[in-house]
């Protein structure tokens, strides 16, 4: 755990999976908006580098959040330093590709703990305080896979569909009580995870032709959703069609998704 110097802030934001990709971009955008930050991820050296580059109070916690039973253990120390959590960004996650019949169930269940159980634990930990104060925002980074399940991503599809369903229902549950829930459905985004997913399909023309966004634009849209109380973000915008035409999207994915290249 480390922190930076103190300065005036607009609130306290927690970002999981903050060491790279979408999480890092969201952390930078929140810092620019004046939030004190708590950043959580496995890679301490990347968290420390990010902390050093931000001009806002930052606490970093190197944690393996797949241990969902202890996922919220960092919160008391984080809140003692930066105050009650005003924004929770549930971004930490992992993606595995492969034929379901050949997949190690232990890996799949670890994915479920990280992608579903941990964000729900963290939400449960901060939500009562937000409701009592009458303000707060919870941002759940789901996936387009929650709307359009893709072959060869069985556990991942299940995890993101579960998180999205919980997120969408919670928004209605807390409506009118000052807490807003944003459900985010990224399509392909140019991150390490996104590039690894593309690489798994080899030289597929269909995969290479799909639109890909950037973490920075994704982060900008998430901040706008927090500020303007927008219910959901689907990015890149081309993928809104998947929400409005799920049957057509499923037909296309079922027939044209290539089998991932064998692991070497």
C-alpha atoms as a PDB file:
ATOM      1  CA  UNK A   1       0.000   0.000   0.000  1.00  0.00           C
ATOM      2  CA  UNK A   2       1.183   3.487  -0.904  1.00  0.00           C
ATOM      3  CA  UNK A   3      -0.326   6.956  -1.051  1.00  0.00           C
ATOM      4  CA  UNK A   4       0.401  10.331  -2.592  1.00  0.00           C
ATOM      5  CA  UNK A   5       0.268  13.825  -1.135  1.00  0.00           C
ATOM      6  CA  UNK A   6      -3.078  15.211   0.000  1.00  0.00           C
ATOM      7  CA  UNK A   7      -5.039  17.787  -1.983  1.00  0.00           C
ATOM      8  CA  UNK A   8      -8.626  18.945  -2.337  1.00  0.00           C
ATOM      9  CA  UNK A   9     -10.813  16.333  -4.039  1.00  0.00           C
ATOM     10  CA  UNK A  10     -14.395  15.966  -5.230  1.00  0.00           C
ATOM     11  CA  UNK A  11     -14.821  12.481  -3.796  1.00  0.00           C
ATOM     12  CA  UNK A  12     -13.341   9.013  -3.467  1.00  0.00           C
ATOM     13  CA  UNK A  13     -13.359   6.556  -6.368  1.00  0.00           C
ATOM     14  CA  UNK A  14     -12.320   2.894  -6.262  1.00  0.00           C
ATOM     15  CA  UNK A  15     -11.182   1.227  -9.491  1.00  0.00           C
ATOM     16  CA  UNK A  16     -10.425  -2.488  -9.678  1.00  0.00           C
ATOM     17  CA  UNK A  17      -8.239  -3.916 -12.409  1.00  0.00           C
ATOM     18  CA  UNK A  18      -6.621  -0.488 -12.538  1.00  0.00           C
ATOM     19  CA  UNK A  19      -3.115  -1.447 -13.609  1.00  0.00           C
ATOM     20  CA  UNK A  20      -3.721  -1.356 -17.371  1.00  0.00           C
ATOM     21  CA  UNK A  21      -6.292  -1.118 -20.132  1.00  0.00           C
ATOM     22  CA  UNK A  22      -9.766   0.234 -19.401  1.00  0.00           C
ATOM     23  CA  UNK A  23      -9.100   0.366 -15.646  1.00  0.00           C
ATOM     24  CA  UNK A  24      -6.007   2.524 -16.048  1.00  0.00           C
ATOM     25  CA  UNK A  25      -7.790   4.846 -18.482  1.00  0.00           C
ATOM     26  CA  UNK A  26     -10.760   5.237 -16.124  1.00  0.00           C
ATOM     27  CA  UNK A  27      -8.416   5.916 -13.191  1.00  0.00           C
ATOM     28  CA  UNK A  28      -6.663   8.666 -15.152  1.00  0.00           C
ATOM     29  CA  UNK A  29      -9.992  10.192 -16.173  1.00  0.00           C
ATOM     30  CA  UNK A  30     -11.292  10.153 -12.596  1.00  0.00           C
ATOM     31  CA  UNK A  31      -8.063  11.738 -11.346  1.00  0.00           C
ATOM     32  CA  UNK A  32      -8.454  14.480 -13.948  1.00  0.00           C
ATOM     33  CA  UNK A  33     -11.957  15.108 -12.586  1.00  0.00           C
ATOM     34  CA  UNK A  34     -10.503  15.585  -9.097  1.00  0.00           C
ATOM     35  CA  UNK A  35     -11.265  12.319  -7.344  1.00  0.00           C
ATOM     36  CA  UNK A  36      -9.053  10.740  -4.717  1.00  0.00           C
ATOM     37  CA  UNK A  37      -8.400   7.197  -5.869  1.00  0.00           C
ATOM     38  CA  UNK A  38      -8.082   3.705  -4.534  1.00  0.00           C
ATOM     39  CA  UNK A  39      -6.576   1.448  -7.198  1.00  0.00           C
ATOM     40  CA  UNK A  40      -6.621  -2.335  -6.918  1.00  0.00           C
ATOM     41  CA  UNK A  41      -4.950  -4.922  -9.164  1.00  0.00           C
ATOM     42  CA  UNK A  42      -2.469  -7.791  -8.974  1.00  0.00           C
ATOM     43  CA  UNK A  43       0.604  -6.050 -10.445  1.00  0.00           C
ATOM     44  CA  UNK A  44       2.111  -3.781  -7.807  1.00  0.00           C
ATOM     45  CA  UNK A  45       4.774  -2.296 -10.080  1.00  0.00           C
ATOM     46  CA  UNK A  46       2.194  -1.088 -12.597  1.00  0.00           C
ATOM     47  CA  UNK A  47       0.007   0.347  -9.836  1.00  0.00           C
ATOM     48  CA  UNK A  48       2.996   2.201  -8.373  1.00  0.00           C
ATOM     49  CA  UNK A  49       3.871   3.633 -11.778  1.00  0.00           C
ATOM     50  CA  UNK A  50       0.320   4.819 -12.305  1.00  0.00           C
ATOM     51  CA  UNK A  51       0.161   6.304  -8.803  1.00  0.00           C
ATOM     52  CA  UNK A  52       3.340   8.281  -9.412  1.00  0.00           C
ATOM     53  CA  UNK A  53       1.878   9.825 -12.568  1.00  0.00           C
ATOM     54  CA  UNK A  54      -1.320  11.129 -10.953  1.00  0.00           C
ATOM     55  CA  UNK A  55      -1.687  14.467  -9.168  1.00  0.00           C
ATOM     56  CA  UNK A  56      -4.321  13.345  -6.662  1.00  0.00           C
ATOM     57  CA  UNK A  57      -4.360  11.320  -3.427  1.00  0.00           C
ATOM     58  CA  UNK A  58      -3.968   7.661  -4.394  1.00  0.00           C
ATOM     59  CA  UNK A  59      -3.927   4.449  -2.393  1.00  0.00           C
ATOM     60  CA  UNK A  60      -2.871   1.306  -4.213  1.00  0.00           C
ATOM     61  CA  UNK A  61      -3.511  -2.262  -3.123  1.00  0.00           C
ATOM     62  CA  UNK A  62      -1.874  -5.195  -4.888  1.00  0.00           C
ATOM     63  CA  UNK A  63      -4.516  -7.900  -4.512  1.00  0.00           C
ATOM     64  CA  UNK A  64      -5.656 -11.039  -6.305  1.00  0.00           C
ATOM     65  CA  UNK A  65      -9.368 -10.295  -6.446  1.00  0.00           C
ATOM     66  CA  UNK A  66     -10.221 -13.820  -7.540  1.00  0.00           C
ATOM     67  CA  UNK A  67     -10.197 -14.511  -3.783  1.00  0.00           C
ATOM     68  CA  UNK A  68     -13.746 -13.221  -3.548  1.00  0.00           C
ATOM     69  CA  UNK A  69     -14.099 -14.105   0.135  1.00  0.00           C
ATOM     70  CA  UNK A  70     -11.532 -11.401   0.978  1.00  0.00           C
ATOM     71  CA  UNK A  71     -12.103  -9.082  -1.979  1.00  0.00           C
ATOM     72  CA  UNK A  72     -13.413  -6.206   0.135  1.00  0.00           C
ATOM     73  CA  UNK A  73     -10.730  -6.417   2.835  1.00  0.00           C
ATOM     74  CA  UNK A  74      -8.918  -3.336   1.541  1.00  0.00           C
ATOM     75  CA  UNK A  75     -11.938  -1.048   1.904  1.00  0.00           C
ATOM     76  CA  UNK A  76     -11.626  -0.022   5.589  1.00  0.00           C
ATOM     77  CA  UNK A  77      -8.051   1.210   5.064  1.00  0.00           C
ATOM     78  CA  UNK A  78      -8.978   2.892   1.801  1.00  0.00           C
ATOM     79  CA  UNK A  79     -11.922   4.717   3.362  1.00  0.00           C
ATOM     80  CA  UNK A  80      -9.884   5.736   6.391  1.00  0.00           C
ATOM     81  CA  UNK A  81      -7.488   7.478   4.006  1.00  0.00           C
ATOM     82  CA  UNK A  82      -9.811   8.877   1.339  1.00  0.00           C
ATOM     83  CA  UNK A  83     -13.252   8.931   2.928  1.00  0.00           C
ATOM     84  CA  UNK A  84     -16.392   6.982   2.034  1.00  0.00           C
ATOM     85  CA  UNK A  85     -16.529   5.517  -1.455  1.00  0.00           C
ATOM     86  CA  UNK A  86     -18.452   7.778  -3.850  1.00  0.00           C
ATOM     87  CA  UNK A  87     -17.709   5.848  -7.061  1.00  0.00           C
ATOM     88  CA  UNK A  88     -17.002   2.123  -7.409  1.00  0.00           C
ATOM     89  CA  UNK A  89     -15.754   0.894 -10.790  1.00  0.00           C
ATOM     90  CA  UNK A  90     -15.960  -2.895 -10.992  1.00  0.00           C
ATOM     91  CA  UNK A  91     -13.509  -3.440 -13.827  1.00  0.00           C
ATOM     92  CA  UNK A  92     -11.243  -6.338 -12.783  1.00  0.00           C
ATOM     93  CA  UNK A  93     -11.827  -9.385 -14.929  1.00  0.00           C
ATOM     94  CA  UNK A  94     -10.279 -12.134 -16.981  1.00  0.00           C
ATOM     95  CA  UNK A  95     -11.207 -13.677 -20.327  1.00  0.00           C
ATOM     96  CA  UNK A  96     -10.479 -17.228 -21.447  1.00  0.00           C
ATOM     97  CA  UNK A  97     -11.168 -18.619 -24.918  1.00  0.00           C
ATOM     98  CA  UNK A  98     -11.447 -22.259 -25.875  1.00  0.00           C
ATOM     99  CA  UNK A  99     -13.817 -25.135 -26.540  1.00  0.00           C
ATOM    100  CA  UNK A 100     -15.990 -25.737 -23.484  1.00  0.00           C
ATOM    101  CA  UNK A 101     -15.492 -29.521 -23.602  1.00  0.00           C
ATOM    102  CA  UNK A 102     -11.740 -29.009 -23.320  1.00  0.00           C
ATOM    103  CA  UNK A 103     -11.798 -26.295 -20.660  1.00  0.00           C
ATOM    104  CA  UNK A 104     -10.459 -26.795 -17.133  1.00  0.00           C
ATOM    105  CA  UNK A 105     -13.428 -26.273 -14.778  1.00  0.00           C
ATOM    106  CA  UNK A 106     -11.086 -24.905 -12.094  1.00  0.00           C
ATOM    107  CA  UNK A 107     -10.041 -22.086 -14.445  1.00  0.00           C
ATOM    108  CA  UNK A 108     -13.671 -21.411 -15.307  1.00  0.00           C
ATOM    109  CA  UNK A 109     -14.695 -21.213 -11.668  1.00  0.00           C
ATOM    110  CA  UNK A 110     -11.809 -18.887 -10.875  1.00  0.00           C
ATOM    111  CA  UNK A 111     -13.032 -16.672 -13.719  1.00  0.00           C
ATOM    112  CA  UNK A 112     -16.529 -16.661 -12.215  1.00  0.00           C
ATOM    113  CA  UNK A 113     -15.199 -15.646  -8.808  1.00  0.00           C
ATOM    114  CA  UNK A 114     -13.252 -12.721 -10.251  1.00  0.00           C
ATOM    115  CA  UNK A 115     -15.799 -11.580 -12.847  1.00  0.00           C
ATOM    116  CA  UNK A 116     -19.000 -12.064 -10.820  1.00  0.00           C
ATOM    117  CA  UNK A 117     -18.585 -12.817  -7.120  1.00  0.00           C
ATOM    118  CA  UNK A 118     -15.969 -10.130  -6.439  1.00  0.00           C
ATOM    119  CA  UNK A 119     -17.854  -7.197  -8.007  1.00  0.00           C
ATOM    120  CA  UNK A 120     -20.989  -8.258  -6.165  1.00  0.00           C
ATOM    121  CA  UNK A 121     -19.055  -8.451  -2.872  1.00  0.00           C
ATOM    122  CA  UNK A 122     -17.606  -4.984  -3.420  1.00  0.00           C
ATOM    123  CA  UNK A 123     -20.968  -3.537  -4.393  1.00  0.00           C
ATOM    124  CA  UNK A 124     -22.572  -5.061  -1.317  1.00  0.00           C
ATOM    125  CA  UNK A 125     -19.819  -3.564   0.837  1.00  0.00           C
ATOM    126  CA  UNK A 126     -20.183   0.037  -0.372  1.00  0.00           C
ATOM    127  CA  UNK A 127     -23.876   0.232  -1.258  1.00  0.00           C
ATOM    128  CA  UNK A 128     -25.354   0.665   2.252  1.00  0.00           C
ATOM    129  CA  UNK A 129     -23.127   3.682   2.888  1.00  0.00           C
ATOM    130  CA  UNK A 130     -24.035   5.217  -0.458  1.00  0.00           C
ATOM    131  CA  UNK A 131     -27.741   4.750   0.247  1.00  0.00           C
ATOM    132  CA  UNK A 132     -27.449   6.250   3.707  1.00  0.00           C
ATOM    133  CA  UNK A 133     -25.667   9.317   2.283  1.00  0.00           C
ATOM    134  CA  UNK A 134     -28.090   9.532  -0.644  1.00  0.00           C
ATOM    135  CA  UNK A 135     -25.395   9.644  -3.302  1.00  0.00           C
ATOM    136  CA  UNK A 136     -22.941   7.464  -5.176  1.00  0.00           C
ATOM    137  CA  UNK A 137     -22.245   5.679  -8.432  1.00  0.00           C
ATOM    138  CA  UNK A 138     -21.491   2.042  -9.200  1.00  0.00           C
ATOM    139  CA  UNK A 139     -20.012   1.245 -12.595  1.00  0.00           C
ATOM    140  CA  UNK A 140     -20.030  -2.381 -13.725  1.00  0.00           C
ATOM    141  CA  UNK A 141     -17.787  -3.224 -16.672  1.00  0.00           C
ATOM    142  CA  UNK A 142     -19.675  -6.098 -18.259  1.00  0.00           C
ATOM    143  CA  UNK A 143     -19.117  -6.965 -21.930  1.00  0.00           C
ATOM    144  CA  UNK A 144     -20.875  -7.112 -25.257  1.00  0.00           C
ATOM    145  CA  UNK A 145     -20.710 -10.864 -24.604  1.00  0.00           C
ATOM    146  CA  UNK A 146     -23.510 -10.327 -22.063  1.00  0.00           C
ATOM    147  CA  UNK A 147     -25.783  -9.245 -24.922  1.00  0.00           C
ATOM    148  CA  UNK A 148     -24.340 -11.395 -27.694  1.00  0.00           C
ATOM    149  CA  UNK A 149     -22.737 -14.563 -26.239  1.00  0.00           C
ATOM    150  CA  UNK A 150     -19.881 -15.661 -28.467  1.00  0.00           C
ATOM    151  CA  UNK A 151     -18.910 -19.295 -29.115  1.00  0.00           C
ATOM    152  CA  UNK A 152     -15.740 -20.532 -27.354  1.00  0.00           C
ATOM    153  CA  UNK A 153     -16.201 -18.135 -24.437  1.00  0.00           C
ATOM    154  CA  UNK A 154     -18.701 -20.093 -22.347  1.00  0.00           C
ATOM    155  CA  UNK A 155     -17.543 -19.172 -18.854  1.00  0.00           C
ATOM    156  CA  UNK A 156     -16.787 -15.580 -19.853  1.00  0.00           C
ATOM    157  CA  UNK A 157     -20.207 -15.155 -21.469  1.00  0.00           C
ATOM    158  CA  UNK A 158     -21.860 -16.532 -18.343  1.00  0.00           C
ATOM    159  CA  UNK A 159     -19.882 -14.251 -16.053  1.00  0.00           C
ATOM    160  CA  UNK A 160     -20.578 -11.059 -17.964  1.00  0.00           C
ATOM    161  CA  UNK A 161     -24.244 -11.899 -18.451  1.00  0.00           C
ATOM    162  CA  UNK A 162     -24.527 -12.452 -14.695  1.00  0.00           C
ATOM    163  CA  UNK A 163     -22.791  -9.180 -13.856  1.00  0.00           C
ATOM    164  CA  UNK A 164     -24.870  -7.240 -16.382  1.00  0.00           C
ATOM    165  CA  UNK A 165     -28.133  -8.728 -15.083  1.00  0.00           C
ATOM    166  CA  UNK A 166     -27.228  -7.868 -11.491  1.00  0.00           C
ATOM    167  CA  UNK A 167     -26.186  -4.372 -12.537  1.00  0.00           C
ATOM    168  CA  UNK A 168     -29.316  -3.635 -14.568  1.00  0.00           C
ATOM    169  CA  UNK A 169     -31.620  -4.893 -11.812  1.00  0.00           C
ATOM    170  CA  UNK A 170     -29.786  -2.980  -9.076  1.00  0.00           C
ATOM    171  CA  UNK A 171     -30.240   0.264 -11.008  1.00  0.00           C
ATOM    172  CA  UNK A 172     -34.010  -0.119 -10.809  1.00  0.00           C
ATOM    173  CA  UNK A 173     -33.832  -1.235  -7.176  1.00  0.00           C
ATOM    174  CA  UNK A 174     -32.043   1.918  -5.989  1.00  0.00           C
ATOM    175  CA  UNK A 175     -33.715   4.380  -8.370  1.00  0.00           C
ATOM    176  CA  UNK A 176     -34.736   7.570  -6.620  1.00  0.00           C
ATOM    177  CA  UNK A 177     -32.370   7.021  -3.693  1.00  0.00           C
ATOM    178  CA  UNK A 178     -29.422   9.043  -5.001  1.00  0.00           C
ATOM    179  CA  UNK A 179     -27.295   6.091  -6.156  1.00  0.00           C
ATOM    180  CA  UNK A 180     -26.840   5.521  -9.875  1.00  0.00           C
ATOM    181  CA  UNK A 181     -25.699   2.269 -11.494  1.00  0.00           C
ATOM    182  CA  UNK A 182     -23.970   2.318 -14.878  1.00  0.00           C
ATOM    183  CA  UNK A 183     -23.740  -0.914 -16.867  1.00  0.00           C
ATOM    184  CA  UNK A 184     -20.946  -0.888 -19.439  1.00  0.00           C
ATOM    185  CA  UNK A 185     -20.878  -3.201 -22.459  1.00  0.00           C
ATOM    186  CA  UNK A 186     -17.485  -2.899 -24.168  1.00  0.00           C
ATOM    187  CA  UNK A 187     -17.021  -4.526 -27.515  1.00  0.00           C
ATOM    188  CA  UNK A 188     -13.439  -5.096 -28.676  1.00  0.00           C
ATOM    189  CA  UNK A 189     -11.186  -2.457 -27.107  1.00  0.00           C
ATOM    190  CA  UNK A 190      -7.474  -2.057 -27.831  1.00  0.00           C
ATOM    191  CA  UNK A 191      -6.132  -3.425 -24.548  1.00  0.00           C
ATOM    192  CA  UNK A 192      -3.848  -6.317 -23.642  1.00  0.00           C
ATOM    193  CA  UNK A 193      -6.930  -8.470 -23.020  1.00  0.00           C
ATOM    194  CA  UNK A 194      -8.482  -7.434 -26.316  1.00  0.00           C
ATOM    195  CA  UNK A 195      -5.316  -8.099 -28.280  1.00  0.00           C
ATOM    196  CA  UNK A 196      -4.911 -11.500 -26.620  1.00  0.00           C
ATOM    197  CA  UNK A 197      -8.451 -12.363 -27.638  1.00  0.00           C
ATOM    198  CA  UNK A 198      -7.765 -11.370 -31.224  1.00  0.00           C
ATOM    199  CA  UNK A 199      -4.518 -13.333 -31.255  1.00  0.00           C
ATOM    200  CA  UNK A 200      -6.332 -16.475 -30.112  1.00  0.00           C
ATOM    201  CA  UNK A 201      -8.289 -16.500 -33.366  1.00  0.00           C
ATOM    202  CA  UNK A 202      -5.165 -16.455 -35.510  1.00  0.00           C
ATOM    203  CA  UNK A 203      -5.448 -14.779 -38.916  1.00  0.00           C
ATOM    204  CA  UNK A 204      -9.242 -14.725 -39.088  1.00  0.00           C
ATOM    205  CA  UNK A 205     -10.427 -12.060 -41.543  1.00  0.00           C
ATOM    206  CA  UNK A 206     -13.824 -11.835 -39.806  1.00  0.00           C
ATOM    207  CA  UNK A 207     -12.245 -11.043 -36.447  1.00  0.00           C
ATOM    208  CA  UNK A 208      -9.816  -8.507 -37.876  1.00  0.00           C
ATOM    209  CA  UNK A 209     -12.697  -6.685 -39.602  1.00  0.00           C
ATOM    210  CA  UNK A 210     -14.612  -6.027 -36.370  1.00  0.00           C
ATOM    211  CA  UNK A 211     -14.561  -2.432 -35.041  1.00  0.00           C
ATOM    212  CA  UNK A 212     -12.183  -1.831 -32.126  1.00  0.00           C
ATOM    213  CA  UNK A 213     -12.263   1.073 -29.693  1.00  0.00           C
ATOM    214  CA  UNK A 214      -9.687   2.671 -27.414  1.00  0.00           C
ATOM    215  CA  UNK A 215      -9.525   2.670 -23.599  1.00  0.00           C
ATOM    216  CA  UNK A 216      -9.339   6.467 -23.513  1.00  0.00           C
ATOM    217  CA  UNK A 217     -12.618   6.972 -25.395  1.00  0.00           C
ATOM    218  CA  UNK A 218     -14.196   4.212 -23.314  1.00  0.00           C
ATOM    219  CA  UNK A 219     -13.127   6.033 -20.142  1.00  0.00           C
ATOM    220  CA  UNK A 220     -14.511   9.347 -21.404  1.00  0.00           C
ATOM    221  CA  UNK A 221     -17.900   7.750 -22.010  1.00  0.00           C
ATOM    222  CA  UNK A 222     -17.889   6.145 -18.557  1.00  0.00           C
ATOM    223  CA  UNK A 223     -17.162   9.486 -16.867  1.00  0.00           C
ATOM    224  CA  UNK A 224     -19.960  11.091 -18.868  1.00  0.00           C
ATOM    225  CA  UNK A 225     -22.316   8.321 -17.754  1.00  0.00           C
ATOM    226  CA  UNK A 226     -21.396   8.953 -14.105  1.00  0.00           C
ATOM    227  CA  UNK A 227     -21.836  12.717 -14.457  1.00  0.00           C
ATOM    228  CA  UNK A 228     -25.053  12.632 -16.506  1.00  0.00           C
ATOM    229  CA  UNK A 229     -26.581   9.527 -14.874  1.00  0.00           C
ATOM    230  CA  UNK A 230     -26.660   7.570 -18.122  1.00  0.00           C
ATOM    231  CA  UNK A 231     -27.853   4.017 -17.574  1.00  0.00           C
ATOM    232  CA  UNK A 232     -25.605   2.087 -19.913  1.00  0.00           C
ATOM    233  CA  UNK A 233     -22.625   2.498 -22.207  1.00  0.00           C
ATOM    234  CA  UNK A 234     -22.078   0.370 -25.324  1.00  0.00           C
ATOM    235  CA  UNK A 235     -18.789   1.073 -27.068  1.00  0.00           C
ATOM    236  CA  UNK A 236     -17.776   1.178 -29.890  1.00  0.00           C
ATOM    237  CA  UNK A 237     -21.130   2.611 -30.973  1.00  0.00           C
ATOM    238  CA  UNK A 238     -21.404   0.159 -33.868  1.00  0.00           C
ATOM    239  CA  UNK A 239     -22.294  -2.515 -31.318  1.00  0.00           C
ATOM    240  CA  UNK A 240     -25.556  -0.846 -30.257  1.00  0.00           C
ATOM    241  CA  UNK A 241     -27.058  -2.954 -33.061  1.00  0.00           C
ATOM    242  CA  UNK A 242     -26.406  -6.030 -30.917  1.00  0.00           C
ATOM    243  CA  UNK A 243     -28.731  -4.671 -28.222  1.00  0.00           C
ATOM    244  CA  UNK A 244     -31.545  -3.786 -30.630  1.00  0.00           C
ATOM    245  CA  UNK A 245     -31.190  -6.853 -32.873  1.00  0.00           C
ATOM    246  CA  UNK A 246     -29.993  -9.682 -30.594  1.00  0.00           C
ATOM    247  CA  UNK A 247     -31.447 -12.446 -32.746  1.00  0.00           C
ATOM    248  CA  UNK A 248     -29.624 -11.301 -35.863  1.00  0.00           C
ATOM    249  CA  UNK A 249     -26.422 -10.830 -33.862  1.00  0.00           C
ATOM    250  CA  UNK A 250     -26.626 -14.326 -32.417  1.00  0.00           C
ATOM    251  CA  UNK A 251     -27.248 -15.831 -35.868  1.00  0.00           C
ATOM    252  CA  UNK A 252     -24.141 -14.116 -37.200  1.00  0.00           C
ATOM    253  CA  UNK A 253     -21.916 -15.052 -34.247  1.00  0.00           C
ATOM    254  CA  UNK A 254     -23.063 -18.677 -34.184  1.00  0.00           C
ATOM    255  CA  UNK A 255     -22.210 -19.157 -37.835  1.00  0.00           C
ATOM    256  CA  UNK A 256     -19.141 -17.034 -38.389  1.00  0.00           C
ATOM    257  CA  UNK A 257     -17.141 -17.042 -35.143  1.00  0.00           C
ATOM    258  CA  UNK A 258     -13.913 -18.904 -35.976  1.00  0.00           C
ATOM    259  CA  UNK A 259     -12.575 -21.595 -33.709  1.00  0.00           C
ATOM    260  CA  UNK A 260      -9.644 -20.232 -31.646  1.00  0.00           C
ATOM    261  CA  UNK A 261      -6.238 -21.319 -32.846  1.00  0.00           C
ATOM    262  CA  UNK A 262      -4.759 -24.234 -30.836  1.00  0.00           C
ATOM    263  CA  UNK A 263      -2.528 -23.176 -27.976  1.00  0.00           C
ATOM    264  CA  UNK A 264       1.162 -23.727 -28.572  1.00  0.00           C
END
